[in-house]
Structures are given as structure tokens and as C-alpha cells.
Amino acid sequence: MSPALVTPGAPWEPDWVQAHTPSEAARLSAEGRTALVRLPGQLDAALAAASVFRWHGATIFVTEHTDQVGLAVEMTDCLAGRRPPALTRRGLA
């Protein structure tokens, strides 16, 4: 499942399960369930948490910083090999 960003206060789907730790997100993902994560209010903490939880398979992120967290989640997916990068460059030495 591709990741989704949700603002605080938005309704949840009944099949979403909140993950409190990265290992719990990994377990839920391995079981085929949708792992939801509530991110901290501070931007830097939200970016770090989103990256770690996405690496472990979380798919729904509740955050006030949807634009910035969306970029962090896309970058994590590129690094994990789940999606191709938006732009590639080849450096010549």
C-alpha cells in the first residue's frame, strides 16, 4: 500500500491500526495490516519519526506538516527501493 498523509482530527478507516514503535509497524506490515502513526508536533522530530516508521512499513501518517513529511516519506521509499527516484543524475569524475 502506498503511504498516505492525514491531518490531525481527520477520520480514520476502521482497518487502520496505530503503531507505537517501529517494530510494531514492521509486524503490522508483515501481517498485511495498515499501520498508522501519529507524528510529533515539532517538524524535525516528525521528519525523523516518519522516515524511521516508513522504513519499517508504516503507511498512514497523522501530521500537521503534510508537505514536508510527504517529501521525507518519498525519500525513504526511494532509499528502500520501493519507488524510483523522481530525478536521477550521473556524476562524472
PDB file of N, CA and C in Angstrom:
ATOM      1  N   MET A   1       0.834  -1.177   0.000  1.00  0.00           N
ATOM      2  CA  MET A   1       0.000   0.000   0.000  1.00  0.00           C
ATOM      3  C   MET A   1       0.880   1.242   0.000  1.00  0.00           C
ATOM      4  N   SER A   2       0.517   2.211  -0.795  1.00  0.00           N
ATOM      5  CA  SER A   2       1.294   3.444  -0.838  1.00  0.00           C
ATOM      6  C   SER A   2       0.975   4.295   0.391  1.00  0.00           C
ATOM      7  N   PRO A   3       1.929   5.097   0.833  1.00  0.00           N
ATOM      8  CA  PRO A   3       1.725   5.876   2.050  1.00  0.00           C
ATOM      9  C   PRO A   3       0.698   6.989   1.856  1.00  0.00           C
ATOM     10  N   ALA A   4       0.043   7.371   2.947  1.00  0.00           N
ATOM     11  CA  ALA A   4      -0.925   8.458   2.931  1.00  0.00           C
ATOM     12  C   ALA A   4      -0.677   9.360   4.125  1.00  0.00           C
ATOM     13  N   LEU A   5      -0.931  10.642   3.932  1.00  0.00           N
ATOM     14  CA  LEU A   5      -0.773  11.618   4.995  1.00  0.00           C
ATOM     15  C   LEU A   5      -2.145  12.118   5.400  1.00  0.00           C
ATOM     16  N   VAL A   6      -2.378  12.179   6.703  1.00  0.00           N
ATOM     17  CA  VAL A   6      -3.665  12.581   7.248  1.00  0.00           C
ATOM     18  C   VAL A   6      -3.431  13.689   8.263  1.00  0.00           C
ATOM     19  N   THR A   7      -4.282  14.698   8.258  1.00  0.00           N
ATOM     20  CA  THR A   7      -4.160  15.762   9.245  1.00  0.00           C
ATOM     21  C   THR A   7      -4.817  15.331  10.552  1.00  0.00           C
ATOM     22  N   PRO A   8      -4.350  15.882  11.675  1.00  0.00           N
ATOM     23  CA  PRO A   8      -4.971  15.535  12.955  1.00  0.00           C
ATOM     24  C   PRO A   8      -6.464  15.891  12.938  1.00  0.00           C
ATOM     25  N   GLY A   9      -7.261  15.039  13.499  1.00  0.00           N
ATOM     26  CA  GLY A   9      -8.701  15.268  13.536  1.00  0.00           C
ATOM     27  C   GLY A   9      -9.452  14.666  12.367  1.00  0.00           C
ATOM     28  N   ALA A  10      -8.734  14.212  11.359  1.00  0.00           N
ATOM     29  CA  ALA A  10      -9.394  13.579  10.212  1.00  0.00           C
ATOM     30  C   ALA A  10      -9.885  12.191  10.627  1.00  0.00           C
ATOM     31  N   PRO A  11     -10.962  11.720  10.011  1.00  0.00           N
ATOM     32  CA  PRO A  11     -11.478  10.400  10.396  1.00  0.00           C
ATOM     33  C   PRO A  11     -10.538   9.274   9.964  1.00  0.00           C
ATOM     34  N   TRP A  12     -10.547   8.210  10.752  1.00  0.00           N
ATOM     35  CA  TRP A  12      -9.742   7.023  10.469  1.00  0.00           C
ATOM     36  C   TRP A  12     -10.612   5.972   9.812  1.00  0.00           C
ATOM     37  N   GLU A  13      -9.983   5.139   9.029  1.00  0.00           N
ATOM     38  CA  GLU A  13     -10.663   3.961   8.489  1.00  0.00           C
ATOM     39  C   GLU A  13     -10.685   2.887   9.581  1.00  0.00           C
ATOM     40  N   PRO A  14     -11.689   2.052   9.601  1.00  0.00           N
ATOM     41  CA  PRO A  14     -11.780   1.048  10.675  1.00  0.00           C
ATOM     42  C   PRO A  14     -10.666  -0.001  10.668  1.00  0.00           C
ATOM     43  N   ASP A  15     -10.023  -0.222   9.524  1.00  0.00           N
ATOM     44  CA  ASP A  15      -8.996  -1.268   9.474  1.00  0.00           C
ATOM     45  C   ASP A  15      -7.586  -0.749   9.755  1.00  0.00           C
ATOM     46  N   TRP A  16      -7.437   0.535  10.057  1.00  0.00           N
ATOM     47  CA  TRP A  16      -6.131   1.086  10.399  1.00  0.00           C
ATOM     48  C   TRP A  16      -5.803   0.754  11.851  1.00  0.00           C
ATOM     49  N   VAL A  17      -4.554   0.362  12.100  1.00  0.00           N
ATOM     50  CA  VAL A  17      -4.105   0.026  13.452  1.00  0.00           C
ATOM     51  C   VAL A  17      -2.941   0.948  13.803  1.00  0.00           C
ATOM     52  N   GLN A  18      -3.011   1.593  14.961  1.00  0.00           N
ATOM     53  CA  GLN A  18      -1.953   2.510  15.360  1.00  0.00           C
ATOM     54  C   GLN A  18      -0.730   1.743  15.847  1.00  0.00           C
ATOM     55  N   ALA A  19       0.422   2.117  15.308  1.00  0.00           N
ATOM     56  CA  ALA A  19       1.700   1.531  15.720  1.00  0.00           C
ATOM     57  C   ALA A  19       2.426   2.537  16.607  1.00  0.00           C
ATOM     58  N   HIS A  20       2.925   2.072  17.734  1.00  0.00           N
ATOM     59  CA  HIS A  20       3.612   2.951  18.672  1.00  0.00           C
ATOM     60  C   HIS A  20       5.130   2.855  18.564  1.00  0.00           C
ATOM     61  N   THR A  21       5.644   1.773  17.990  1.00  0.00           N
ATOM     62  CA  THR A  21       7.086   1.592  17.832  1.00  0.00           C
ATOM     63  C   THR A  21       7.369   1.130  16.399  1.00  0.00           C
ATOM     64  N   PRO A  22       8.588   1.357  15.919  1.00  0.00           N
ATOM     65  CA  PRO A  22       8.920   0.870  14.579  1.00  0.00           C
ATOM     66  C   PRO A  22       8.777  -0.644  14.441  1.00  0.00           C
ATOM     67  N   SER A  23       9.121  -1.400  15.479  1.00  0.00           N
ATOM     68  CA  SER A  23       8.993  -2.858  15.388  1.00  0.00           C
ATOM     69  C   SER A  23       7.515  -3.263  15.299  1.00  0.00           C
ATOM     70  N   GLU A  24       6.657  -2.539  15.967  1.00  0.00           N
ATOM     71  CA  GLU A  24       5.225  -2.819  15.864  1.00  0.00           C
ATOM     72  C   GLU A  24       4.716  -2.501  14.457  1.00  0.00           C
ATOM     73  N   ALA A  25       5.219  -1.433  13.848  1.00  0.00           N
ATOM     74  CA  ALA A  25       4.852  -1.098  12.469  1.00  0.00           C
ATOM     75  C   ALA A  25       5.322  -2.191  11.512  1.00  0.00           C
ATOM     76  N   ALA A  26       6.520  -2.718  11.743  1.00  0.00           N
ATOM     77  CA  ALA A  26       7.038  -3.795  10.899  1.00  0.00           C
ATOM     78  C   ALA A  26       6.191  -5.055  11.033  1.00  0.00           C
ATOM     79  N   ARG A  27       5.789  -5.376  12.254  1.00  0.00           N
ATOM     80  CA  ARG A  27       4.952  -6.558  12.472  1.00  0.00           C
ATOM     81  C   ARG A  27       3.593  -6.401  11.798  1.00  0.00           C
ATOM     82  N   LEU A  28       2.973  -5.242  11.950  1.00  0.00           N
ATOM     83  CA  LEU A  28       1.672  -4.999  11.321  1.00  0.00           C
ATOM     84  C   LEU A  28       1.783  -5.062   9.803  1.00  0.00           C
ATOM     85  N   SER A  29       2.841  -4.494   9.276  1.00  0.00           N
ATOM     86  CA  SER A  29       3.058  -4.515   7.832  1.00  0.00           C
ATOM     87  C   SER A  29       3.255  -5.941   7.327  1.00  0.00           C
ATOM     88  N   ALA A  30       4.002  -6.743   8.071  1.00  0.00           N
ATOM     89  CA  ALA A  30       4.230  -8.141   7.685  1.00  0.00           C
ATOM     90  C   ALA A  30       2.934  -8.949   7.716  1.00  0.00           C
ATOM     91  N   GLU A  31       2.015  -8.564   8.596  1.00  0.00           N
ATOM     92  CA  GLU A  31       0.720  -9.242   8.686  1.00  0.00           C
ATOM     93  C   GLU A  31      -0.267  -8.753   7.624  1.00  0.00           C
ATOM     94  N   GLY A  32       0.138  -7.738   6.840  1.00  0.00           N
ATOM     95  CA  GLY A  32      -0.739  -7.208   5.809  1.00  0.00           C
ATOM     96  C   GLY A  32      -1.739  -6.179   6.310  1.00  0.00           C
ATOM     97  N   ARG A  33      -1.509  -5.673   7.516  1.00  0.00           N
ATOM     98  CA  ARG A  33      -2.408  -4.677   8.089  1.00  0.00           C
ATOM     99  C   ARG A  33      -1.877  -3.273   7.816  1.00  0.00           C
ATOM    100  N   THR A  34      -2.738  -2.285   7.913  1.00  0.00           N
ATOM    101  CA  THR A  34      -2.374  -0.897   7.675  1.00  0.00           C
ATOM    102  C   THR A  34      -1.942  -0.253   8.984  1.00  0.00           C
ATOM    103  N   ALA A  35      -0.670   0.127   9.062  1.00  0.00           N
ATOM    104  CA  ALA A  35      -0.120   0.720  10.286  1.00  0.00           C
ATOM    105  C   ALA A  35      -0.222   2.240  10.218  1.00  0.00           C
ATOM    106  N   LEU A  36      -0.839   2.818  11.226  1.00  0.00           N
ATOM    107  CA  LEU A  36      -0.993   4.264  11.342  1.00  0.00           C
ATOM    108  C   LEU A  36      -0.046   4.768  12.424  1.00  0.00           C
ATOM    109  N   VAL A  37       0.560   5.938  12.172  1.00  0.00           N
ATOM    110  CA  VAL A  37       1.494   6.519  13.130  1.00  0.00           C
ATOM    111  C   VAL A  37       1.122   7.979  13.351  1.00  0.00           C
ATOM    112  N   ARG A  38       1.015   8.363  14.619  1.00  0.00           N
ATOM    113  CA  ARG A  38       0.834   9.774  14.972  1.00  0.00           C
ATOM    114  C   ARG A  38       2.221  10.377  15.174  1.00  0.00           C
ATOM    115  N   LEU A  39       2.528  11.416  14.405  1.00  0.00           N
ATOM    116  CA  LEU A  39       3.850  12.027  14.465  1.00  0.00           C
ATOM    117  C   LEU A  39       3.858  13.189  15.446  1.00  0.00           C
ATOM    118  N   PRO A  40       5.050  13.498  16.011  1.00  0.00           N
ATOM    119  CA  PRO A  40       5.157  14.618  16.944  1.00  0.00           C
ATOM    120  C   PRO A  40       4.849  15.950  16.259  1.00  0.00           C
ATOM    121  N   GLY A  41       4.567  16.977  17.055  1.00  0.00           N
ATOM    122  CA  GLY A  41       4.235  18.293  16.519  1.00  0.00           C
ATOM    123  C   GLY A  41       5.419  19.064  15.971  1.00  0.00           C
ATOM    124  N   GLN A  42       6.619  18.840  16.518  1.00  0.00           N
ATOM    125  CA  GLN A  42       7.805  19.546  16.027  1.00  0.00           C
ATOM    126  C   GLN A  42       8.213  18.981  14.675  1.00  0.00           C
ATOM    127  N   LEU A  43       8.554  19.872  13.747  1.00  0.00           N
ATOM    128  CA  LEU A  43       8.864  19.452  12.381  1.00  0.00           C
ATOM    129  C   LEU A  43      10.039  18.491  12.317  1.00  0.00           C
ATOM    130  N   ASP A  44      11.159  18.809  12.967  1.00  0.00           N
ATOM    131  CA  ASP A  44      12.338  17.933  12.865  1.00  0.00           C
ATOM    132  C   ASP A  44      12.067  16.554  13.460  1.00  0.00           C
ATOM    133  N   ALA A  45      11.343  16.497  14.561  1.00  0.00           N
ATOM    134  CA  ALA A  45      11.001  15.201  15.167  1.00  0.00           C
ATOM    135  C   ALA A  45      10.017  14.434  14.283  1.00  0.00           C
ATOM    136  N   ALA A  46       9.089  15.145  13.649  1.00  0.00           N
ATOM    137  CA  ALA A  46       8.122  14.492  12.767  1.00  0.00           C
ATOM    138  C   ALA A  46       8.816  13.897  11.540  1.00  0.00           C
ATOM    139  N   LEU A  47       9.784  14.615  10.979  1.00  0.00           N
ATOM    140  CA  LEU A  47      10.513  14.116   9.807  1.00  0.00           C
ATOM    141  C   LEU A  47      11.318  12.865  10.150  1.00  0.00           C
ATOM    142  N   ALA A  48      11.989  12.902  11.287  1.00  0.00           N
ATOM    143  CA  ALA A  48      12.788  11.742  11.707  1.00  0.00           C
ATOM    144  C   ALA A  48      11.892  10.536  11.974  1.00  0.00           C
ATOM    145  N   ALA A  49      10.807  10.752  12.702  1.00  0.00           N
ATOM    146  CA  ALA A  49       9.898   9.648  13.026  1.00  0.00           C
ATOM    147  C   ALA A  49       9.253   9.081  11.768  1.00  0.00           C
ATOM    148  N   ALA A  50       8.837   9.947  10.854  1.00  0.00           N
ATOM    149  CA  ALA A  50       8.200   9.475   9.618  1.00  0.00           C
ATOM    150  C   ALA A  50       9.154   8.613   8.803  1.00  0.00           C
ATOM    151  N   SER A  51      10.411   9.015   8.721  1.00  0.00           N
ATOM    152  CA  SER A  51      11.394   8.248   7.958  1.00  0.00           C
ATOM    153  C   SER A  51      11.618   6.863   8.564  1.00  0.00           C
ATOM    154  N   VAL A  52      11.783   6.815   9.876  1.00  0.00           N
ATOM    155  CA  VAL A  52      12.028   5.529  10.542  1.00  0.00           C
ATOM    156  C   VAL A  52      10.805   4.619  10.433  1.00  0.00           C
ATOM    157  N   PHE A  53       9.631   5.157  10.712  1.00  0.00           N
ATOM    158  CA  PHE A  53       8.419   4.340  10.658  1.00  0.00           C
ATOM    159  C   PHE A  53       8.110   3.893   9.230  1.00  0.00           C
ATOM    160  N   ARG A  54       8.352   4.740   8.229  1.00  0.00           N
ATOM    161  CA  ARG A  54       8.106   4.328   6.842  1.00  0.00           C
ATOM    162  C   ARG A  54       9.086   3.231   6.428  1.00  0.00           C
ATOM    163  N   TRP A  55      10.315   3.330   6.879  1.00  0.00           N
ATOM    164  CA  TRP A  55      11.305   2.296   6.577  1.00  0.00           C
ATOM    165  C   TRP A  55      10.821   0.939   7.080  1.00  0.00           C
ATOM    166  N   HIS A  56      10.131   0.957   8.213  1.00  0.00           N
ATOM    167  CA  HIS A  56       9.626  -0.278   8.819  1.00  0.00           C
ATOM    168  C   HIS A  56       8.240  -0.655   8.329  1.00  0.00           C
ATOM    169  N   GLY A  57       7.665   0.091   7.394  1.00  0.00           N
ATOM    170  CA  GLY A  57       6.424  -0.323   6.754  1.00  0.00           C
ATOM    171  C   GLY A  57       5.161   0.409   7.115  1.00  0.00           C
ATOM    172  N   ALA A  58       5.229   1.443   7.962  1.00  0.00           N
ATOM    173  CA  ALA A  58       4.020   2.207   8.277  1.00  0.00           C
ATOM    174  C   ALA A  58       3.494   2.879   7.008  1.00  0.00           C
ATOM    175  N   THR A  59       2.179   3.000   6.892  1.00  0.00           N
ATOM    176  CA  THR A  59       1.603   3.551   5.663  1.00  0.00           C
ATOM    177  C   THR A  59       0.753   4.796   5.860  1.00  0.00           C
ATOM    178  N   ILE A  60       0.222   5.014   7.046  1.00  0.00           N
ATOM    179  CA  ILE A  60      -0.607   6.183   7.308  1.00  0.00           C
ATOM    180  C   ILE A  60       0.089   7.055   8.347  1.00  0.00           C
ATOM    181  N   PHE A  61       0.254   8.346   8.040  1.00  0.00           N
ATOM    182  CA  PHE A  61       0.957   9.263   8.931  1.00  0.00           C
ATOM    183  C   PHE A  61       0.040  10.425   9.281  1.00  0.00           C
ATOM    184  N   VAL A  62      -0.189  10.616  10.567  1.00  0.00           N
ATOM    185  CA  VAL A  62      -1.006  11.721  11.054  1.00  0.00           C
ATOM    186  C   VAL A  62      -0.061  12.837  11.460  1.00  0.00           C
ATOM    187  N   THR A  63      -0.128  13.975  10.755  1.00  0.00           N
ATOM    188  CA  THR A  63       0.809  15.069  11.000  1.00  0.00           C
ATOM    189  C   THR A  63       0.221  16.404  10.579  1.00  0.00           C
ATOM    190  N   GLU A  64       0.728  17.457  11.200  1.00  0.00           N
ATOM    191  CA  GLU A  64       0.378  18.823  10.808  1.00  0.00           C
ATOM    192  C   GLU A  64       1.234  19.279   9.628  1.00  0.00           C
ATOM    193  N   HIS A  65       2.353  18.640   9.407  1.00  0.00           N
ATOM    194  CA  HIS A  65       3.339  19.046   8.395  1.00  0.00           C
ATOM    195  C   HIS A  65       3.250  18.124   7.175  1.00  0.00           C
ATOM    196  N   THR A  66       2.128  18.127   6.498  1.00  0.00           N
ATOM    197  CA  THR A  66       1.917  17.143   5.433  1.00  0.00           C
ATOM    198  C   THR A  66       2.885  17.301   4.258  1.00  0.00           C
ATOM    199  N   ASP A  67       3.194  18.526   3.866  1.00  0.00           N
ATOM    200  CA  ASP A  67       4.092  18.711   2.716  1.00  0.00           C
ATOM    201  C   ASP A  67       5.498  18.201   3.010  1.00  0.00           C
ATOM    202  N   GLN A  68       6.056  18.617   4.134  1.00  0.00           N
ATOM    203  CA  GLN A  68       7.425  18.230   4.475  1.00  0.00           C
ATOM    204  C   GLN A  68       7.529  16.735   4.784  1.00  0.00           C
ATOM    205  N   VAL A  69       6.564  16.206   5.509  1.00  0.00           N
ATOM    206  CA  VAL A  69       6.583  14.780   5.839  1.00  0.00           C
ATOM    207  C   VAL A  69       6.389  13.949   4.574  1.00  0.00           C
ATOM    208  N   GLY A  70       5.581  14.440   3.649  1.00  0.00           N
ATOM    209  CA  GLY A  70       5.398  13.738   2.374  1.00  0.00           C
ATOM    210  C   GLY A  70       6.702  13.584   1.620  1.00  0.00           C
ATOM    211  N   LEU A  71       7.520  14.634   1.609  1.00  0.00           N
ATOM    212  CA  LEU A  71       8.830  14.553   0.954  1.00  0.00           C
ATOM    213  C   LEU A  71       9.750  13.558   1.661  1.00  0.00           C
ATOM    214  N   ALA A  72       9.721  13.560   2.987  1.00  0.00           N
ATOM    215  CA  ALA A  72      10.557  12.621   3.748  1.00  0.00           C
ATOM    216  C   ALA A  72      10.135  11.183   3.492  1.00  0.00           C
ATOM    217  N   VAL A  73       8.835  10.944   3.402  1.00  0.00           N
ATOM    218  CA  VAL A  73       8.326   9.593   3.138  1.00  0.00           C
ATOM    219  C   VAL A  73       8.707   9.150   1.728  1.00  0.00           C
ATOM    220  N   GLU A  74       8.604  10.048   0.745  1.00  0.00           N
ATOM    221  CA  GLU A  74       9.016   9.714  -0.628  1.00  0.00           C
ATOM    222  C   GLU A  74      10.502   9.403  -0.692  1.00  0.00           C
ATOM    223  N   MET A  75      11.319  10.191   0.000  1.00  0.00           N
ATOM    224  CA  MET A  75      12.758   9.942   0.012  1.00  0.00           C
ATOM    225  C   MET A  75      13.068   8.579   0.633  1.00  0.00           C
ATOM    226  N   THR A  76      12.383   8.264   1.727  1.00  0.00           N
ATOM    227  CA  THR A  76      12.596   6.973   2.385  1.00  0.00           C
ATOM    228  C   THR A  76      12.206   5.829   1.456  1.00  0.00           C
ATOM    229  N   ASP A  77      11.096   5.971   0.735  1.00  0.00           N
ATOM    230  CA  ASP A  77      10.696   4.936  -0.218  1.00  0.00           C
ATOM    231  C   ASP A  77      11.728   4.759  -1.330  1.00  0.00           C
ATOM    232  N   CYS A  78      12.329   5.854  -1.776  1.00  0.00           N
ATOM    233  CA  CYS A  78      13.383   5.757  -2.801  1.00  0.00           C
ATOM    234  C   CYS A  78      14.600   5.023  -2.255  1.00  0.00           C
ATOM    235  N   LEU A  79      15.002   5.367  -1.038  1.00  0.00           N
ATOM    236  CA  LEU A  79      16.166   4.712  -0.433  1.00  0.00           C
ATOM    237  C   LEU A  79      15.913   3.237  -0.163  1.00  0.00           C
ATOM    238  N   ALA A  80      14.672   2.895   0.175  1.00  0.00           N
ATOM    239  CA  ALA A  80      14.324   1.499   0.460  1.00  0.00           C
ATOM    240  C   ALA A  80      14.076   0.696  -0.814  1.00  0.00           C
ATOM    241  N   GLY A  81      14.051   1.365  -1.965  1.00  0.00           N
ATOM    242  CA  GLY A  81      13.844   0.665  -3.229  1.00  0.00           C
ATOM    243  C   GLY A  81      12.387   0.373  -3.535  1.00  0.00           C
ATOM    244  N   ARG A  82      11.464   1.058  -2.870  1.00  0.00           N
ATOM    245  CA  ARG A  82      10.039   0.839  -3.115  1.00  0.00           C
ATOM    246  C   ARG A  82       9.510   1.650  -4.286  1.00  0.00           C
ATOM    247  N   ARG A  83      10.219   2.701  -4.646  1.00  0.00           N
ATOM    248  CA  ARG A  83       9.812   3.532  -5.786  1.00  0.00           C
ATOM    249  C   ARG A  83      11.063   4.124  -6.407  1.00  0.00           C
ATOM    250  N   PRO A  84      10.998   4.421  -7.697  1.00  0.00           N
ATOM    251  CA  PRO A  84      12.169   5.027  -8.329  1.00  0.00           C
ATOM    252  C   PRO A  84      12.285   6.501  -7.935  1.00  0.00           C
ATOM    253  N   PRO A  85      13.494   7.038  -7.953  1.00  0.00           N
ATOM    254  CA  PRO A  85      13.645   8.462  -7.640  1.00  0.00           C
ATOM    255  C   PRO A  85      12.982   9.321  -8.712  1.00  0.00           C
ATOM    256  N   ALA A  86      12.555  10.515  -8.327  1.00  0.00           N
ATOM    257  CA  ALA A  86      11.906  11.422  -9.282  1.00  0.00           C
ATOM    258  C   ALA A  86      12.898  11.914 -10.324  1.00  0.00           C
ATOM    259  N   LEU A  87      14.164  12.044  -9.948  1.00  0.00           N
ATOM    260  CA  LEU A  87      15.184  12.549 -10.853  1.00  0.00           C
ATOM    261  C   LEU A  87      16.498  11.845 -10.547  1.00  0.00           C
ATOM    262  N   THR A  88      17.165  11.388 -11.571  1.00  0.00           N
ATOM    263  CA  THR A  88      18.471  10.774 -11.359  1.00  0.00           C
ATOM    264  C   THR A  88      19.517  11.573 -12.110  1.00  0.00           C
ATOM    265  N   ARG A  89      20.678  11.630 -11.558  1.00  0.00           N
ATOM    266  CA  ARG A  89      21.801  12.325 -12.194  1.00  0.00           C
ATOM    267  C   ARG A  89      23.007  11.415 -12.155  1.00  0.00           C
ATOM    268  N   ARG A  90      23.806  11.540 -13.171  1.00  0.00           N
ATOM    269  CA  ARG A  90      25.022  10.753 -13.229  1.00  0.00           C
ATOM    270  C   ARG A  90      26.188  11.705 -13.130  1.00  0.00           C
ATOM    271  N   GLY A  91      27.015  11.474 -12.148  1.00  0.00           N
ATOM    272  CA  GLY A  91      28.175  12.324 -11.967  1.00  0.00           C
ATOM    273  C   GLY A  91      29.398  11.735 -12.654  1.00  0.00           C
ATOM    274  N   LEU A  92      30.142  12.569 -13.331  1.00  0.00           N
ATOM    275  CA  LEU A  92      31.376  12.119 -13.968  1.00  0.00           C
ATOM    276  C   LEU A  92      32.552  12.751 -13.248  1.00  0.00           C
ATOM    277  N   ALA A  93      33.521  11.928 -12.945  1.00  0.00           N
ATOM    278  CA  ALA A  93      34.695  12.456 -12.227  1.00  0.00           C
ATOM    279  C   ALA A  93      35.783  12.803 -13.187  1.00  0.00           C
TER     280      ALA A  93
END
